[in-house]
Amino acid sequence: MDKRFEELGVRPADILLPRASTDMTRWAVVACDQFTSQPEYWEDADRIAGDAPSALRLILPESKLNDDNVDEHIQAINRAMADYLARDIFTTHPESIIYIERTQSDGTVRPGLVAAVDLEKYDYTPGSGSLIRATEGTVLERIPPRVRVRRDAPIELPHVMLLIDDPKKICVEPVTAAKDSMEKLYDFELMLGGGHLRGWKLSAEQVDALASALSRLASSEAMEIKYGLGGVAPLLFAVGDGNHSLATAKTCYEDLKKVTPEDQWASLPARYALVEIENLHDDALKFEAIHRVVFGVEPEKLIAAFLEFYPNAHEGPGVGHTIAYTHAGGTGCLTVPNPRVQLPVGTLQNFLDAYLKEHGGEVDYIHGEAVTDELGRKPGNIGFKLPAMGKDQLFKTVIADGVLPRKTFSMGHAEDKRYYVEGRKIK
């Protein structure tokens, strides 16, 4: 193993793919945390998968996480994994990194790299200086149910997406340019409007070049040039999707460390987790704002409390963080000059957390300005519309503020989320 990969927290992996005879459209299914309020989606996926080998049999959709018979679901998953391994339905691609191209619902193509990350280099604690960091706060209560799924599982299938801040496009894009000379591993249509997916295996030379490029991204010089921050711990990978899945893998690994001699930790398969790596600056990767609607409040009193919470704030536009609002009495905006945090969503969320704790009310997180206005106009409600976060703000905000406020941004529509395709043995 190239020593550079050990320092970078990423490496090639022994990647499992279904054998060539597998119907890949029936195999691949969307990330388990999608369509949680739409059981009919998962019923359709079950119908399409049928009796064929399918990743659907190896994951637990979150829509079933609170079922009374969830333990039976988990046992069925572990049996299916053991059955697939016994039937030898997988081909192992040793020490591999896979380049993938995902055609999204809008027709754009999103490139990425599938590799393994070292969980010793990942920490979801806010303010961590680890090489791999969460971008949003981790809800610890969400981890134990997922641990129950992973703890006895012999293989993993990832929906984790990590982002690199590579404005000069030195990591993924050189592989894109060379794909026609690479070994193609799969090329198929995804079920239920997921678009299309193709994958190629990187050559040894491409793997070497990737290690060099990632090393340059992680250098202290790169940190200072991009963020104007000297002497800070390098941030190479920021979690874009699937942080609770990665946190679950971390928890399972930490539990194993407690019963394993330290000199054996490096050889534990569970020390590593398969992920997809994408360049933050790829044009196909869209950041969409997530707005807020507050229910069960008196809008005028809430606005007055906002202005009291931030004594230098004022009604109307201005320099600083400006946040538009809509309620039954009309529309307007609030401006906070010289904000203490990097993003307007942080300014708003810090206030809402304090206000709702003291005065009651509920907040919902909304995609789309029109829906935010529609809900905000109803009596007892107020909608807040937030500007979309610029891509160049992501890494700098995580470095400066520790993590982003929850529900800061969304990466594309549900159909465009990662589908389970590749796997890896973790036992």
Protein backbone atom coordinates (compact mmCIF):
# COMPACT_ATOMS: atom_id res chain seq x y z
CA MET A 1 0.00 0.00 0.00
CA ASP A 2 1.28 3.45 -0.97
CA LYS A 3 2.32 5.23 2.25
CA ARG A 4 0.71 8.43 0.99
CA PHE A 5 -2.71 6.84 1.25
CA GLU A 6 -2.12 6.07 4.93
CA GLU A 7 -1.50 9.77 5.55
CA LEU A 8 -4.46 10.85 3.41
CA GLY A 9 -7.02 8.61 5.12
CA VAL A 10 -8.16 7.10 1.83
CA ARG A 11 -7.07 3.99 -0.05
CA PRO A 12 -7.95 1.43 -2.70
CA ALA A 13 -10.17 -1.39 -1.47
CA ASP A 14 -11.18 -4.95 -2.29
CA ILE A 15 -14.46 -3.94 -3.90
CA LEU A 16 -17.31 -6.37 -4.44
CA LEU A 17 -19.51 -6.12 -7.52
CA PRO A 18 -22.24 -8.50 -8.66
CA ARG A 19 -21.14 -10.92 -11.35
CA ALA A 20 -21.63 -9.97 -15.01
CA SER A 21 -24.82 -12.04 -15.31
CA THR A 22 -26.61 -9.91 -12.68
CA ASP A 23 -29.42 -7.61 -13.74
CA MET A 24 -27.85 -4.39 -12.41
CA THR A 25 -31.06 -2.36 -12.71
CA ARG A 26 -32.69 -4.73 -10.25
CA TRP A 27 -29.53 -4.82 -8.12
CA ALA A 28 -29.00 -1.09 -7.44
CA VAL A 29 -31.34 0.80 -5.08
CA VAL A 30 -31.34 4.36 -3.76
CA ALA A 31 -29.91 5.40 -0.36
CA CYS A 32 -31.92 4.06 2.58
CA ASP A 33 -32.66 7.53 4.00
CA GLN A 34 -34.70 8.64 0.97
CA PHE A 35 -38.49 8.51 0.49
CA THR A 36 -39.01 7.85 4.21
CA SER A 37 -42.59 9.17 4.04
CA GLN A 38 -43.38 7.40 0.79
CA PRO A 39 -43.64 3.65 1.49
CA GLU A 40 -45.04 3.18 -2.00
CA TYR A 41 -41.59 3.99 -3.43
CA TRP A 42 -40.04 1.09 -1.52
CA GLU A 43 -42.97 -1.15 -2.48
CA ASP A 44 -42.22 -0.37 -6.14
CA ALA A 45 -38.52 -1.11 -5.57
CA ASP A 46 -39.46 -4.45 -3.99
CA ARG A 47 -41.66 -5.30 -6.96
CA ILE A 48 -38.88 -4.46 -9.45
CA ALA A 49 -36.21 -6.39 -7.53
CA GLY A 50 -38.41 -9.47 -7.26
CA ASP A 51 -36.44 -12.67 -6.69
CA ALA A 52 -33.28 -11.38 -8.39
CA PRO A 53 -30.13 -10.55 -6.39
CA SER A 54 -30.65 -7.01 -5.17
CA ALA A 55 -29.01 -4.55 -2.79
CA LEU A 56 -32.55 -3.96 -1.53
CA ARG A 57 -32.20 -7.23 0.43
CA LEU A 58 -29.00 -5.98 2.07
CA ILE A 59 -30.19 -2.61 3.41
CA LEU A 60 -32.85 -1.35 5.80
CA PRO A 61 -34.88 1.57 4.41
CA GLU A 62 -35.37 4.16 7.13
CA SER A 63 -39.09 3.99 6.49
CA LYS A 64 -38.89 0.61 8.28
CA LEU A 65 -36.51 1.67 11.05
CA ASN A 66 -39.29 2.05 13.64
CA ASP A 67 -41.33 -0.99 12.61
CA ASP A 68 -42.35 -3.30 15.46
CA ASN A 69 -40.58 -6.16 13.66
CA VAL A 70 -37.38 -4.22 12.86
CA ASP A 71 -35.28 -6.98 14.47
CA GLU A 72 -36.72 -9.44 11.96
CA HIS A 73 -35.78 -7.05 9.13
CA ILE A 74 -32.19 -6.89 10.42
CA GLN A 75 -31.94 -10.67 10.74
CA ALA A 76 -33.26 -11.06 7.19
CA ILE A 77 -30.58 -8.63 5.94
CA ASN A 78 -27.80 -10.60 7.61
CA ARG A 79 -29.17 -13.87 6.22
CA ALA A 80 -29.32 -12.37 2.73
CA MET A 81 -25.72 -11.18 2.97
CA ALA A 82 -24.56 -14.62 4.08
CA ASP A 83 -26.61 -16.23 1.31
CA TYR A 84 -25.17 -13.96 -1.41
CA LEU A 85 -21.63 -14.68 -0.21
CA ALA A 86 -22.31 -18.42 -0.08
CA ARG A 87 -23.79 -18.36 -3.59
CA ASP A 88 -20.72 -16.50 -4.80
CA ILE A 89 -22.71 -13.82 -6.59
CA PHE A 90 -19.90 -11.27 -6.16
CA THR A 91 -16.69 -10.67 -8.08
CA THR A 92 -13.88 -9.16 -6.02
CA HIS A 93 -11.85 -6.36 -7.57
CA PRO A 94 -8.75 -6.26 -5.34
CA GLU A 95 -7.01 -3.04 -4.34
CA SER A 96 -9.29 -0.98 -6.58
CA ILE A 97 -10.63 2.53 -6.97
CA ILE A 98 -13.62 2.91 -9.28
CA TYR A 99 -14.41 5.99 -11.34
CA ILE A 100 -18.15 6.46 -11.81
CA GLU A 101 -20.40 8.71 -13.89
CA ARG A 102 -23.95 9.28 -12.74
CA THR A 103 -26.46 10.75 -15.17
CA GLN A 104 -28.86 12.73 -13.00
CA SER A 105 -32.55 13.51 -13.42
CA ASP A 106 -31.73 16.80 -15.17
CA GLY A 107 -29.45 15.04 -17.68
CA THR A 108 -26.16 16.31 -16.24
CA VAL A 109 -23.37 13.84 -15.49
CA ARG A 110 -21.84 13.76 -12.00
CA PRO A 111 -18.41 12.08 -11.74
CA GLY A 112 -16.97 10.47 -8.63
CA LEU A 113 -14.47 7.98 -7.22
CA VAL A 114 -15.31 4.98 -5.04
CA ALA A 115 -12.62 4.14 -2.49
CA ALA A 116 -12.23 3.31 1.21
CA VAL A 117 -11.55 5.81 3.98
CA ASP A 118 -9.74 5.20 7.25
CA LEU A 119 -12.13 5.79 10.14
CA GLU A 120 -9.19 6.76 12.34
CA LYS A 121 -9.03 9.90 10.19
CA TYR A 122 -12.74 10.73 10.65
CA ASP A 123 -14.34 12.55 13.57
CA TYR A 124 -17.87 13.95 13.62
CA THR A 125 -17.30 15.99 16.81
CA PRO A 126 -17.92 19.71 16.13
CA GLY A 127 -14.60 21.57 16.02
CA SER A 128 -12.62 18.44 15.23
CA GLY A 129 -9.30 18.83 13.43
CA SER A 130 -9.56 15.47 11.67
CA LEU A 131 -8.79 15.02 7.99
CA ILE A 132 -12.36 13.80 7.37
CA ARG A 133 -15.12 15.82 9.07
CA ALA A 134 -18.87 16.05 9.29
CA THR A 135 -20.39 19.17 7.75
CA GLU A 136 -23.52 19.19 9.92
CA GLY A 137 -24.20 18.27 13.53
CA THR A 138 -24.52 14.53 14.14
CA VAL A 139 -27.70 13.50 15.97
CA LEU A 140 -26.35 10.86 18.34
CA GLU A 141 -29.81 9.32 18.86
CA ARG A 142 -29.83 8.30 15.18
CA ILE A 143 -26.74 6.11 15.49
CA PRO A 144 -27.75 3.14 17.74
CA PRO A 145 -30.51 1.79 15.44
CA ARG A 146 -28.05 1.83 12.53
CA VAL A 147 -25.38 0.12 14.63
CA ARG A 148 -27.79 -2.78 15.10
CA VAL A 149 -27.91 -3.21 11.32
CA ARG A 150 -24.13 -2.98 10.77
CA ARG A 151 -22.79 -4.78 13.86
CA ASP A 152 -23.31 -8.34 12.57
CA ALA A 153 -23.26 -7.54 8.84
CA PRO A 154 -20.48 -9.31 6.89
CA ILE A 155 -20.47 -6.70 4.10
CA GLU A 156 -21.19 -2.99 3.68
CA LEU A 157 -22.78 -1.06 0.84
CA PRO A 158 -22.13 2.68 0.96
CA HIS A 159 -24.27 5.72 0.31
CA VAL A 160 -21.73 8.09 1.87
CA MET A 161 -20.57 10.93 -0.37
CA LEU A 162 -17.43 12.87 0.58
CA LEU A 163 -16.53 16.21 -0.99
CA ILE A 164 -13.08 17.54 -1.85
CA ASP A 165 -12.42 21.25 -2.36
CA ASP A 166 -10.53 21.04 -5.65
CA PRO A 167 -11.13 24.23 -7.67
CA LYS A 168 -8.21 23.46 -10.01
CA LYS A 169 -9.75 20.04 -10.73
CA ILE A 170 -6.58 17.96 -10.32
CA CYS A 171 -8.09 14.81 -8.76
CA VAL A 172 -11.25 13.49 -10.44
CA GLU A 173 -11.16 15.30 -13.77
CA PRO A 174 -7.91 13.75 -15.12
CA VAL A 175 -9.58 10.36 -14.71
CA THR A 176 -12.64 11.60 -16.59
CA ALA A 177 -10.43 12.55 -19.53
CA ALA A 178 -8.88 9.06 -19.64
CA LYS A 179 -12.01 6.92 -19.16
CA ASP A 180 -12.10 5.61 -22.75
CA SER A 181 -8.84 3.74 -22.14
CA MET A 182 -9.99 2.23 -18.84
CA GLU A 183 -11.60 -1.12 -17.98
CA LYS A 184 -15.38 -0.62 -17.86
CA LEU A 185 -17.05 -2.47 -14.98
CA TYR A 186 -20.73 -1.60 -15.44
CA ASP A 187 -23.11 0.51 -17.53
CA PHE A 188 -26.84 0.39 -16.76
CA GLU A 189 -30.09 2.25 -16.13
CA LEU A 190 -31.09 2.84 -12.50
CA MET A 191 -34.58 1.92 -11.32
CA LEU A 192 -37.38 4.38 -10.54
CA GLY A 193 -36.07 7.48 -12.27
CA GLY A 194 -32.56 7.31 -10.86
CA GLY A 195 -30.89 8.01 -14.19
CA HIS A 196 -27.90 6.06 -15.50
CA LEU A 197 -24.66 4.78 -13.96
CA ARG A 198 -21.35 3.74 -15.48
CA GLY A 199 -18.15 2.65 -13.77
CA TRP A 200 -14.49 2.08 -14.72
CA LYS A 201 -11.50 0.75 -12.78
CA LEU A 202 -8.51 3.05 -12.27
CA SER A 203 -5.13 1.84 -13.52
CA ALA A 204 -2.12 1.64 -11.21
CA GLU A 205 -0.76 4.81 -12.80
CA GLN A 206 -4.03 6.66 -12.19
CA VAL A 207 -4.10 5.54 -8.57
CA ASP A 208 -0.55 6.88 -8.13
CA ALA A 209 -1.48 10.20 -9.74
CA LEU A 210 -4.56 10.46 -7.50
CA ALA A 211 -2.40 10.01 -4.38
CA SER A 212 -0.13 12.83 -5.55
CA ALA A 213 -3.06 15.15 -6.31
CA LEU A 214 -4.77 14.52 -2.96
CA SER A 215 -1.47 15.14 -1.15
CA ARG A 216 -1.30 18.57 -2.77
CA LEU A 217 -4.87 19.34 -1.72
CA ALA A 218 -4.11 18.42 1.90
CA SER A 219 -0.95 20.52 2.17
CA SER A 220 -0.72 23.46 4.57
CA GLU A 221 0.08 25.68 1.58
CA ALA A 222 -3.22 24.72 -0.07
CA MET A 223 -5.13 25.44 3.15
CA GLU A 224 -3.63 28.92 3.38
CA ILE A 225 -4.18 29.77 -0.30
CA LYS A 226 -7.83 28.62 -0.34
CA TYR A 227 -8.99 29.78 3.07
CA GLY A 228 -6.47 32.41 4.14
CA LEU A 229 -5.83 30.35 7.26
CA GLY A 230 -2.32 29.37 8.28
CA GLY A 231 -1.42 26.72 10.82
CA VAL A 232 -4.83 25.03 10.80
CA ALA A 233 -5.40 21.28 10.73
CA PRO A 234 -5.95 20.26 7.09
CA LEU A 235 -9.49 19.36 6.02
CA LEU A 236 -9.36 17.07 2.99
CA PHE A 237 -12.80 15.42 2.98
CA ALA A 238 -16.11 16.98 4.09
CA VAL A 239 -19.14 14.70 4.35
CA GLY A 240 -21.74 15.78 1.80
CA ASP A 241 -24.24 12.94 2.30
CA GLY A 242 -24.53 9.96 4.62
CA ASN A 243 -22.85 11.37 7.74
CA HIS A 244 -24.93 9.20 10.07
CA SER A 245 -23.99 6.14 8.04
CA LEU A 246 -20.31 7.03 8.36
CA ALA A 247 -20.78 7.79 12.07
CA THR A 248 -22.33 4.34 12.46
CA ALA A 249 -19.29 2.72 10.83
CA LYS A 250 -17.07 4.73 13.18
CA THR A 251 -19.05 3.59 16.23
CA CYS A 252 -18.84 -0.07 15.22
CA TYR A 253 -15.09 0.25 14.67
CA GLU A 254 -14.58 1.97 18.04
CA ASP A 255 -16.55 -0.83 19.72
CA LEU A 256 -14.25 -3.41 18.07
CA LYS A 257 -11.16 -1.56 19.26
CA LYS A 258 -12.27 -2.10 22.86
CA VAL A 259 -11.98 -5.89 22.46
CA THR A 260 -9.02 -6.01 20.03
CA PRO A 261 -5.30 -5.59 20.85
CA GLU A 262 -4.04 -2.27 19.52
CA ASP A 263 -1.43 -3.88 17.29
CA GLN A 264 -4.31 -5.53 15.37
CA TRP A 265 -6.42 -2.42 14.76
CA ALA A 266 -4.87 -1.71 11.37
CA SER A 267 -5.88 -5.16 10.11
CA LEU A 268 -9.54 -4.85 11.11
CA PRO A 269 -11.68 -4.66 7.94
CA ALA A 270 -14.18 -2.56 9.92
CA ARG A 271 -11.54 0.15 10.32
CA TYR A 272 -12.36 1.28 6.79
CA ALA A 273 -15.58 2.37 5.08
CA LEU A 274 -16.40 2.54 1.39
CA VAL A 275 -17.42 5.99 0.12
CA GLU A 276 -17.89 7.99 -3.06
CA ILE A 277 -15.62 11.05 -3.45
CA GLU A 278 -16.79 14.02 -5.50
CA ASN A 279 -15.32 17.40 -6.33
CA LEU A 280 -17.24 20.23 -4.72
CA HIS A 281 -16.59 22.32 -7.83
CA ASP A 282 -18.10 19.94 -10.39
CA ASP A 283 -20.85 21.74 -12.33
CA ALA A 284 -23.27 18.84 -11.92
CA LEU A 285 -23.14 19.09 -8.13
CA LYS A 286 -25.82 21.57 -7.09
CA PHE A 287 -26.31 23.08 -3.64
CA GLU A 288 -29.91 24.01 -2.94
CA ALA A 289 -31.03 26.17 -0.02
CA ILE A 290 -33.27 24.66 2.66
CA HIS A 291 -35.74 27.23 4.02
CA ARG A 292 -37.61 27.34 7.34
CA VAL A 293 -41.28 27.66 8.26
CA VAL A 294 -42.15 28.18 11.92
CA PHE A 295 -45.59 27.00 13.05
CA GLY A 296 -47.65 27.95 16.10
CA VAL A 297 -46.15 31.39 16.78
CA GLU A 298 -47.11 35.06 16.61
CA PRO A 299 -44.98 36.36 13.73
CA GLU A 300 -44.72 39.97 14.94
CA LYS A 301 -43.57 38.87 18.39
CA LEU A 302 -41.05 36.49 16.84
CA ILE A 303 -39.61 39.28 14.67
CA ALA A 304 -39.38 41.57 17.69
CA ALA A 305 -37.56 38.83 19.59
CA PHE A 306 -35.14 38.41 16.68
CA LEU A 307 -34.27 42.12 16.81
CA GLU A 308 -33.77 41.84 20.57
CA PHE A 309 -31.64 38.69 20.20
CA TYR A 310 -29.36 40.57 17.79
CA PRO A 311 -29.26 44.16 19.16
CA ASN A 312 -27.50 45.50 16.05
CA ALA A 313 -30.08 43.93 13.69
CA HIS A 314 -32.64 45.97 11.77
CA GLU A 315 -35.61 45.58 9.46
CA GLY A 316 -34.90 45.89 5.74
CA PRO A 317 -31.93 45.10 3.50
CA GLY A 318 -28.37 46.00 4.39
CA VAL A 319 -24.81 44.75 4.72
CA GLY A 320 -24.40 41.49 6.63
CA HIS A 321 -26.77 38.54 6.84
CA THR A 322 -30.14 39.39 5.26
CA ILE A 323 -33.03 36.95 5.73
CA ALA A 324 -36.38 37.34 3.94
CA TYR A 325 -39.63 36.45 5.69
CA THR A 326 -43.31 35.94 4.80
CA HIS A 327 -46.29 35.81 7.15
CA ALA A 328 -50.02 36.59 7.00
CA GLY A 329 -49.34 40.28 7.56
CA GLY A 330 -46.92 40.67 4.67
CA THR A 331 -43.31 40.23 3.66
CA GLY A 332 -40.01 41.81 4.60
CA CYS A 333 -36.45 41.03 5.58
CA LEU A 334 -34.14 41.22 8.58
CA THR A 335 -30.46 42.16 8.43
CA VAL A 336 -27.78 41.35 10.99
CA PRO A 337 -24.60 43.43 10.44
CA ASN A 338 -21.23 41.97 11.47
CA PRO A 339 -22.60 38.45 12.08
CA ARG A 340 -20.78 36.13 14.47
CA VAL A 341 -21.05 33.08 12.21
CA GLN A 342 -20.22 32.48 8.56
CA LEU A 343 -23.69 31.81 7.09
CA PRO A 344 -27.17 33.43 7.30
CA VAL A 345 -28.64 30.02 8.11
CA GLY A 346 -26.48 29.93 11.23
CA THR A 347 -27.65 33.37 12.28
CA LEU A 348 -31.30 32.34 11.87
CA GLN A 349 -30.99 28.86 13.37
CA ASN A 350 -29.19 30.09 16.50
CA PHE A 351 -32.09 32.46 17.16
CA LEU A 352 -34.81 29.90 16.37
CA ASP A 353 -33.30 27.27 18.65
CA ALA A 354 -33.33 29.71 21.57
CA TYR A 355 -36.75 31.20 20.79
CA LEU A 356 -38.62 27.92 20.31
CA LYS A 357 -37.10 26.44 23.44
CA GLU A 358 -38.48 29.33 25.50
CA HIS A 359 -41.74 30.14 23.70
CA GLY A 360 -42.77 26.94 21.95
CA GLY A 361 -43.67 26.39 18.31
CA GLU A 362 -42.30 24.04 15.69
CA VAL A 363 -40.00 24.46 12.70
CA ASP A 364 -40.04 22.53 9.43
CA TYR A 365 -37.36 22.52 6.75
CA ILE A 366 -38.68 23.32 3.28
CA HIS A 367 -37.33 22.97 -0.26
CA GLY A 368 -38.54 25.73 -2.59
CA GLU A 369 -39.35 29.41 -2.06
CA ALA A 370 -42.95 29.13 -3.32
CA VAL A 371 -43.85 26.47 -0.75
CA THR A 372 -42.13 28.49 1.99
CA ASP A 373 -44.22 31.56 1.09
CA GLU A 374 -47.43 29.53 0.85
CA LEU A 375 -46.98 27.96 4.27
CA GLY A 376 -45.61 31.15 5.82
CA ARG A 377 -48.75 33.13 4.91
CA LYS A 378 -51.03 30.89 6.96
CA PRO A 379 -52.13 32.31 10.33
CA GLY A 380 -49.75 31.45 13.15
CA ASN A 381 -46.88 30.75 10.76
CA ILE A 382 -43.85 32.59 9.43
CA GLY A 383 -41.60 31.47 6.60
CA PHE A 384 -37.92 32.39 6.30
CA LYS A 385 -36.17 32.19 2.93
CA LEU A 386 -32.44 31.70 3.00
CA PRO A 387 -29.87 32.29 0.27
CA ALA A 388 -28.19 29.23 -1.17
CA MET A 389 -24.77 28.59 0.30
CA GLY A 390 -21.92 29.18 -2.11
CA LYS A 391 -19.75 26.14 -2.65
CA ASP A 392 -16.68 28.13 -1.69
CA GLN A 393 -18.17 28.67 1.78
CA LEU A 394 -18.49 25.00 2.76
CA PHE A 395 -14.94 24.09 3.80
CA LYS A 396 -14.15 27.52 5.21
CA THR A 397 -17.30 27.42 7.37
CA VAL A 398 -16.57 23.94 8.71
CA ILE A 399 -13.02 25.02 9.57
CA ALA A 400 -14.17 28.28 11.20
CA ASP A 401 -17.45 27.26 12.89
CA GLY A 402 -16.91 23.52 13.46
CA VAL A 403 -20.02 22.32 11.62
CA LEU A 404 -22.79 23.89 9.58
CA PRO A 405 -26.21 24.46 11.13
CA ARG A 406 -28.46 21.49 10.50
CA LYS A 407 -30.33 21.46 7.21
CA THR A 408 -28.07 24.06 5.61
CA PHE A 409 -28.09 22.67 2.08
CA SER A 410 -29.31 19.83 -0.04
CA MET A 411 -27.30 18.09 -2.74
CA GLY A 412 -29.84 17.45 -5.47
CA HIS A 413 -33.19 15.69 -5.56
CA ALA A 414 -34.01 12.38 -3.87
CA GLU A 415 -33.79 10.47 -7.16
CA ASP A 416 -30.23 11.78 -7.63
CA LYS A 417 -28.91 10.46 -4.32
CA ARG A 418 -26.34 7.70 -4.39
CA TYR A 419 -27.54 4.20 -5.27
CA TYR A 420 -26.06 1.11 -3.60
CA VAL A 421 -23.91 -0.74 -6.12
CA GLU A 422 -20.42 -1.54 -4.79
CA GLY A 423 -19.79 -3.49 -1.59
CA ARG A 424 -16.91 -4.49 0.68
CA LYS A 425 -16.37 -7.20 3.28
CA ILE A 426 -16.17 -5.78 6.80
CA LYS A 427 -15.62 -9.08 8.62
